[in-house]
């Protein structure tokens, strides 16, 4: 079986010009997707799993009920921060369901799935329209320069050219962005709420604008009013801070391992669907617990090949795709969750070198530290 080997050792060579993969590096496999898709369809792995998603939904409703009960019983207590952390986890799990509904994995028809996704995104406090337009472009061109919005700069630079253009405070952050990645994720929850609202308020021709704004407004009222009425002011702000921080870290930690540190595709490359999706995606090992923890995002290769496949079937599809890749010499990348984080941190730090002083010598810096 073939695996992509990623060097995660600390670079001491200084800035190395980032290169992009293209047609020469990834030979075409035009028939690959058709062959794998046929096996997957014949195995029945594209069928809906309504019972599974009903159970997941019921579990989340019970968990939210437990949080509300705990919030009322605890009253004026710093133990409320445990409830805040639990809400951050539950909102992330709801976001996973919104993601699956947007991919038409849950219900039988497209419009029903989209309506469900909009409601679930509203419960999370995000704009479905913003997320869907961004995520659709990502799925079509993962890790391709100029086409994948997920590698566009947003404080963090994922490309050397963006790191070089950074200025001021952002430039200082970029220099150590790998080490700062997880601390910065504590602000990602707030950022997701802000970007979604900004999109709904400022963009033209947003379908369902007022529905989404209404859902988000009701969501924040249901949370903020009880918190600031029943808790002292300082505790209320701490409650919201913990909830947003846990939500941001959980979301970022679930999505970051999937593509960061994998090959980046040149903007003019025209790759076949199978090569583009498999070679830019990374799976996370761990079995059922990883699937539950990451909402199925641990099977990123299979999710990108079959985006409308139920979370419940991804592990079975993994065996089919792995076997095909092994038989045809296609790198199939899979690693542990901890290892994936090490790869992401190293990759971001390597990109961040482009924001360093070009006259600063990394070797000399090491000698100074020694």
Foldseek 3Di string as FASTA:
>chain_A
DFADDFDLDFDQFFADADDFDFCVVQPADQCLLVVLVVVCVVVVQLDADQVVVVVVVVVLVVLVVVLVVVPVVVFADLCNLVSLLSLLQSLLLLLLQLLLLCLVRHDDDNVVSPVSSLLSCLLSLAHPLVVSVLVVQCLVFPLEPPGRPVQDDDLFHLALVVLLPDDDPSVVCLLQVLVCVLVCLLCQLVVRNVVRVCCLVPDPPRPCSVVSVVSNVVNCCVLLVCLPVRYPPVSSVSSNSSNSRSNSNLNCLLPQLFARLFGRHYNPHDHHQLLRLQRRTAAADDPPVNCSSNVLCNLRSQCSSRVNGHSVSSVVSVVSVVVSCVVVVHHGHYYHSVVSSSSNSSSSNNSSSSSDDPPDNSVVVVVVVD
